[in-house]
Amino acid sequence: MELLPHLKLPNSPTGEEGEDEELERRKRKKGKGVQREKLKDKLPQNLTLADLCFSLQETIFAMLVEVTERAMSHCSSREVIVVGGVGCNERLQRML
């Protein structure tokens, strides 16, 4: 399967407390009357919503793989069982 070009999105599954601070900052910013624009209007002209969705999927899966590898290392495990709807995704299975 050929991968499509995708956006480079932030990927930091650290689990540190700084994430809560970032969430609070965004909530405060939203409350100050920030005007919401349509997502389509924010995308570069050569990028489609499908490209954005693919980019999000790739970033989230990369984070899942990183956290899974970290947990396996912490538990000295060589095997992992991934189940459920997300676990059925063939792309994620290939990445794992």
N, C-alpha and C. Protein backbone atom coordinates (compact mmCIF):
# COMPACT_ATOMS: atom_id res chain seq x y z
N MET A 1 0.84 -1.18 0.00
CA MET A 1 0.00 0.00 0.00
C MET A 1 0.89 1.24 0.00
N GLU A 2 0.64 2.13 -0.91
CA GLU A 2 1.43 3.35 -1.01
C GLU A 2 0.88 4.39 -0.05
N LEU A 3 1.76 5.00 0.73
CA LEU A 3 1.33 6.02 1.67
C LEU A 3 1.17 7.35 0.98
N LEU A 4 0.15 8.07 1.38
CA LEU A 4 -0.10 9.39 0.83
C LEU A 4 0.76 10.41 1.57
N PRO A 5 1.04 11.53 0.94
CA PRO A 5 1.76 12.57 1.67
C PRO A 5 0.87 13.08 2.80
N HIS A 6 1.47 13.43 3.91
CA HIS A 6 0.66 13.92 5.00
C HIS A 6 1.35 15.04 5.77
N LEU A 7 0.56 15.73 6.56
CA LEU A 7 1.07 16.83 7.38
C LEU A 7 1.92 16.28 8.50
N LYS A 8 2.92 17.03 8.90
CA LYS A 8 3.72 16.69 10.07
C LYS A 8 3.01 17.32 11.26
N LEU A 9 2.41 16.48 12.11
CA LEU A 9 1.67 16.97 13.26
C LEU A 9 2.47 16.72 14.54
N PRO A 10 2.21 17.49 15.59
CA PRO A 10 2.94 17.28 16.84
C PRO A 10 2.68 15.89 17.38
N ASN A 11 3.72 15.25 17.87
CA ASN A 11 3.61 13.89 18.37
C ASN A 11 4.43 13.80 19.65
N SER A 12 3.78 13.93 20.78
CA SER A 12 4.52 13.87 22.05
C SER A 12 3.71 13.16 23.12
N PRO A 13 3.64 11.85 23.05
CA PRO A 13 2.89 11.11 24.08
C PRO A 13 3.70 10.96 25.36
N THR A 14 3.95 12.06 26.05
CA THR A 14 4.83 12.01 27.21
C THR A 14 4.09 11.64 28.49
N GLY A 15 2.81 12.01 28.59
CA GLY A 15 2.08 11.73 29.80
C GLY A 15 2.47 12.63 30.96
N GLU A 16 3.08 13.76 30.66
CA GLU A 16 3.51 14.67 31.71
C GLU A 16 2.40 15.66 32.03
N GLU A 17 2.54 16.35 33.14
CA GLU A 17 1.51 17.27 33.60
C GLU A 17 1.35 18.48 32.70
N GLY A 18 2.30 18.79 31.88
CA GLY A 18 2.22 19.94 30.99
C GLY A 18 1.04 19.89 30.05
N GLU A 19 0.54 18.70 29.78
CA GLU A 19 -0.61 18.55 28.88
C GLU A 19 -1.84 19.23 29.46
N ASP A 20 -2.05 19.13 30.79
CA ASP A 20 -3.20 19.76 31.42
C ASP A 20 -3.11 21.27 31.30
N GLU A 21 -1.93 21.82 31.45
CA GLU A 21 -1.75 23.26 31.33
C GLU A 21 -2.09 23.73 29.92
N GLU A 22 -1.69 22.96 28.92
CA GLU A 22 -1.99 23.32 27.54
C GLU A 22 -3.49 23.29 27.29
N LEU A 23 -4.18 22.29 27.82
CA LEU A 23 -5.64 22.20 27.68
C LEU A 23 -6.31 23.42 28.31
N GLU A 24 -5.88 23.78 29.50
CA GLU A 24 -6.46 24.94 30.18
C GLU A 24 -6.22 26.22 29.39
N ARG A 25 -5.02 26.37 28.83
CA ARG A 25 -4.70 27.56 28.03
C ARG A 25 -5.63 27.65 26.83
N ARG A 26 -5.87 26.52 26.18
CA ARG A 26 -6.76 26.52 25.00
C ARG A 26 -8.19 26.86 25.39
N LYS A 27 -8.65 26.34 26.54
CA LYS A 27 -10.01 26.65 27.00
C LYS A 27 -10.16 28.14 27.24
N ARG A 28 -9.16 28.73 27.90
CA ARG A 28 -9.21 30.17 28.18
C ARG A 28 -9.23 30.97 26.87
N LYS A 29 -8.42 30.54 25.92
CA LYS A 29 -8.35 31.25 24.65
C LYS A 29 -9.69 31.18 23.92
N LYS A 30 -10.33 30.01 23.95
CA LYS A 30 -11.63 29.87 23.30
C LYS A 30 -12.66 30.80 23.93
N GLY A 31 -12.59 30.94 25.24
CA GLY A 31 -13.56 31.76 25.96
C GLY A 31 -13.43 33.24 25.66
N LYS A 32 -12.36 33.66 25.03
CA LYS A 32 -12.14 35.08 24.75
C LYS A 32 -12.70 35.49 23.38
N GLY A 33 -13.66 34.76 22.90
CA GLY A 33 -14.33 35.15 21.67
C GLY A 33 -13.53 34.88 20.41
N VAL A 34 -12.69 33.87 20.44
CA VAL A 34 -11.93 33.51 19.24
C VAL A 34 -12.93 33.02 18.20
N GLN A 35 -12.86 33.61 17.04
CA GLN A 35 -13.80 33.25 15.99
C GLN A 35 -13.42 31.92 15.38
N ARG A 36 -14.40 31.04 15.28
CA ARG A 36 -14.13 29.74 14.69
C ARG A 36 -14.29 29.83 13.18
N GLU A 37 -13.33 29.27 12.49
CA GLU A 37 -13.39 29.22 11.04
C GLU A 37 -13.67 27.79 10.63
N LYS A 38 -14.20 27.64 9.44
CA LYS A 38 -14.41 26.30 8.93
C LYS A 38 -13.06 25.64 8.69
N LEU A 39 -12.98 24.36 9.00
CA LEU A 39 -11.73 23.63 8.83
C LEU A 39 -11.24 23.71 7.39
N LYS A 40 -12.15 23.61 6.45
CA LYS A 40 -11.77 23.66 5.04
C LYS A 40 -11.04 24.96 4.71
N ASP A 41 -11.47 26.06 5.32
CA ASP A 41 -10.86 27.36 5.05
C ASP A 41 -9.46 27.48 5.61
N LYS A 42 -9.12 26.67 6.61
CA LYS A 42 -7.80 26.74 7.24
C LYS A 42 -6.78 25.86 6.53
N LEU A 43 -7.22 24.91 5.74
CA LEU A 43 -6.30 24.00 5.08
C LEU A 43 -5.58 24.68 3.91
N PRO A 44 -4.31 24.35 3.71
CA PRO A 44 -3.63 24.84 2.50
C PRO A 44 -4.40 24.36 1.27
N GLN A 45 -4.30 25.09 0.19
CA GLN A 45 -5.09 24.79 -1.00
C GLN A 45 -4.84 23.39 -1.56
N ASN A 46 -3.62 22.90 -1.44
CA ASN A 46 -3.32 21.60 -2.02
C ASN A 46 -3.61 20.44 -1.07
N LEU A 47 -4.20 20.73 0.09
CA LEU A 47 -4.48 19.70 1.08
C LEU A 47 -5.99 19.51 1.22
N THR A 48 -6.42 18.27 1.14
CA THR A 48 -7.85 17.97 1.27
C THR A 48 -8.16 17.50 2.69
N LEU A 49 -9.45 17.42 2.99
CA LEU A 49 -9.85 16.88 4.29
C LEU A 49 -9.40 15.43 4.44
N ALA A 50 -9.39 14.68 3.35
CA ALA A 50 -8.91 13.29 3.38
C ALA A 50 -7.44 13.25 3.78
N ASP A 51 -6.64 14.20 3.25
CA ASP A 51 -5.23 14.28 3.62
C ASP A 51 -5.08 14.57 5.11
N LEU A 52 -5.90 15.48 5.62
CA LEU A 52 -5.84 15.83 7.03
C LEU A 52 -6.20 14.62 7.89
N CYS A 53 -7.26 13.91 7.51
CA CYS A 53 -7.67 12.72 8.27
C CYS A 53 -6.58 11.66 8.26
N PHE A 54 -5.95 11.48 7.12
CA PHE A 54 -4.85 10.51 7.02
C PHE A 54 -3.70 10.93 7.92
N SER A 55 -3.40 12.22 7.94
CA SER A 55 -2.32 12.73 8.78
C SER A 55 -2.62 12.50 10.26
N LEU A 56 -3.85 12.77 10.64
CA LEU A 56 -4.25 12.52 12.03
C LEU A 56 -4.12 11.05 12.38
N GLN A 57 -4.59 10.18 11.49
CA GLN A 57 -4.50 8.75 11.74
C GLN A 57 -3.05 8.31 11.91
N GLU A 58 -2.18 8.75 11.01
CA GLU A 58 -0.76 8.37 11.08
C GLU A 58 -0.12 8.86 12.38
N THR A 59 -0.44 10.08 12.78
CA THR A 59 0.13 10.64 13.99
C THR A 59 -0.36 9.90 15.22
N ILE A 60 -1.66 9.64 15.28
CA ILE A 60 -2.22 8.92 16.43
C ILE A 60 -1.67 7.51 16.50
N PHE A 61 -1.59 6.83 15.37
CA PHE A 61 -1.05 5.47 15.36
C PHE A 61 0.41 5.46 15.78
N ALA A 62 1.18 6.44 15.34
CA ALA A 62 2.59 6.52 15.75
C ALA A 62 2.70 6.69 17.26
N MET A 63 1.80 7.50 17.82
CA MET A 63 1.79 7.68 19.27
C MET A 63 1.41 6.39 19.98
N LEU A 64 0.40 5.69 19.46
CA LEU A 64 -0.01 4.41 20.05
C LEU A 64 1.13 3.40 20.02
N VAL A 65 1.84 3.34 18.91
CA VAL A 65 2.96 2.40 18.78
C VAL A 65 4.05 2.76 19.78
N GLU A 66 4.36 4.05 19.90
CA GLU A 66 5.41 4.48 20.82
C GLU A 66 5.06 4.13 22.27
N VAL A 67 3.83 4.41 22.67
CA VAL A 67 3.40 4.13 24.03
C VAL A 67 3.36 2.61 24.27
N THR A 68 2.93 1.85 23.28
CA THR A 68 2.89 0.40 23.41
C THR A 68 4.30 -0.17 23.57
N GLU A 69 5.23 0.32 22.74
CA GLU A 69 6.62 -0.15 22.84
C GLU A 69 7.20 0.20 24.21
N ARG A 70 6.89 1.37 24.69
CA ARG A 70 7.39 1.79 26.00
C ARG A 70 6.85 0.88 27.10
N ALA A 71 5.55 0.57 27.03
CA ALA A 71 4.93 -0.30 28.03
C ALA A 71 5.51 -1.71 27.97
N MET A 72 5.73 -2.20 26.75
CA MET A 72 6.32 -3.53 26.60
C MET A 72 7.72 -3.57 27.19
N SER A 73 8.48 -2.53 26.96
CA SER A 73 9.83 -2.46 27.51
C SER A 73 9.80 -2.42 29.03
N HIS A 74 8.88 -1.63 29.55
CA HIS A 74 8.76 -1.49 31.00
C HIS A 74 8.40 -2.82 31.67
N CYS A 75 7.58 -3.61 30.98
CA CYS A 75 7.13 -4.91 31.52
C CYS A 75 8.01 -6.06 31.07
N SER A 76 9.05 -5.76 30.32
CA SER A 76 9.94 -6.80 29.76
C SER A 76 9.14 -7.83 28.97
N SER A 77 8.22 -7.34 28.16
CA SER A 77 7.35 -8.21 27.37
C SER A 77 7.77 -8.19 25.90
N ARG A 78 7.61 -9.33 25.24
CA ARG A 78 7.92 -9.39 23.81
C ARG A 78 6.65 -9.51 22.98
N GLU A 79 5.50 -9.60 23.65
CA GLU A 79 4.23 -9.76 22.94
C GLU A 79 3.22 -8.77 23.48
N VAL A 80 2.29 -8.40 22.60
CA VAL A 80 1.20 -7.52 23.00
C VAL A 80 -0.06 -7.97 22.26
N ILE A 81 -1.19 -7.84 22.90
CA ILE A 81 -2.47 -8.17 22.28
C ILE A 81 -3.23 -6.86 22.10
N VAL A 82 -3.60 -6.58 20.87
CA VAL A 82 -4.36 -5.37 20.57
C VAL A 82 -5.73 -5.82 20.10
N VAL A 83 -6.77 -5.36 20.79
CA VAL A 83 -8.13 -5.81 20.48
C VAL A 83 -9.04 -4.61 20.29
N GLY A 84 -10.23 -4.89 19.83
CA GLY A 84 -11.24 -3.84 19.66
C GLY A 84 -11.21 -3.23 18.28
N GLY A 85 -12.01 -2.21 18.10
CA GLY A 85 -12.15 -1.58 16.79
C GLY A 85 -10.87 -1.00 16.25
N VAL A 86 -10.11 -0.31 17.10
CA VAL A 86 -8.85 0.27 16.65
C VAL A 86 -7.86 -0.83 16.31
N GLY A 87 -7.86 -1.90 17.10
CA GLY A 87 -6.96 -3.02 16.88
C GLY A 87 -7.21 -3.74 15.57
N CYS A 88 -8.41 -3.58 15.02
CA CYS A 88 -8.75 -4.23 13.74
C CYS A 88 -8.20 -3.46 12.54
N ASN A 89 -7.73 -2.26 12.75
CA ASN A 89 -7.22 -1.44 11.66
C ASN A 89 -5.93 -2.05 11.10
N GLU A 90 -5.94 -2.38 9.82
CA GLU A 90 -4.79 -3.04 9.20
C GLU A 90 -3.54 -2.18 9.20
N ARG A 91 -3.71 -0.88 9.06
CA ARG A 91 -2.53 0.00 9.07
C ARG A 91 -1.85 -0.05 10.44
N LEU A 92 -2.64 0.02 11.50
CA LEU A 92 -2.06 -0.05 12.85
C LEU A 92 -1.40 -1.40 13.07
N GLN A 93 -2.01 -2.46 12.60
CA GLN A 93 -1.42 -3.79 12.75
C GLN A 93 -0.05 -3.87 12.08
N ARG A 94 0.06 -3.25 10.89
CA ARG A 94 1.36 -3.27 10.19
C ARG A 94 2.41 -2.45 10.95
N MET A 95 1.97 -1.35 11.56
CA MET A 95 2.90 -0.51 12.29
C MET A 95 3.40 -1.20 13.56
N LEU A 96 2.53 -1.98 14.18
CA LEU A 96 2.93 -2.71 15.37
C LEU A 96 3.77 -3.90 15.00
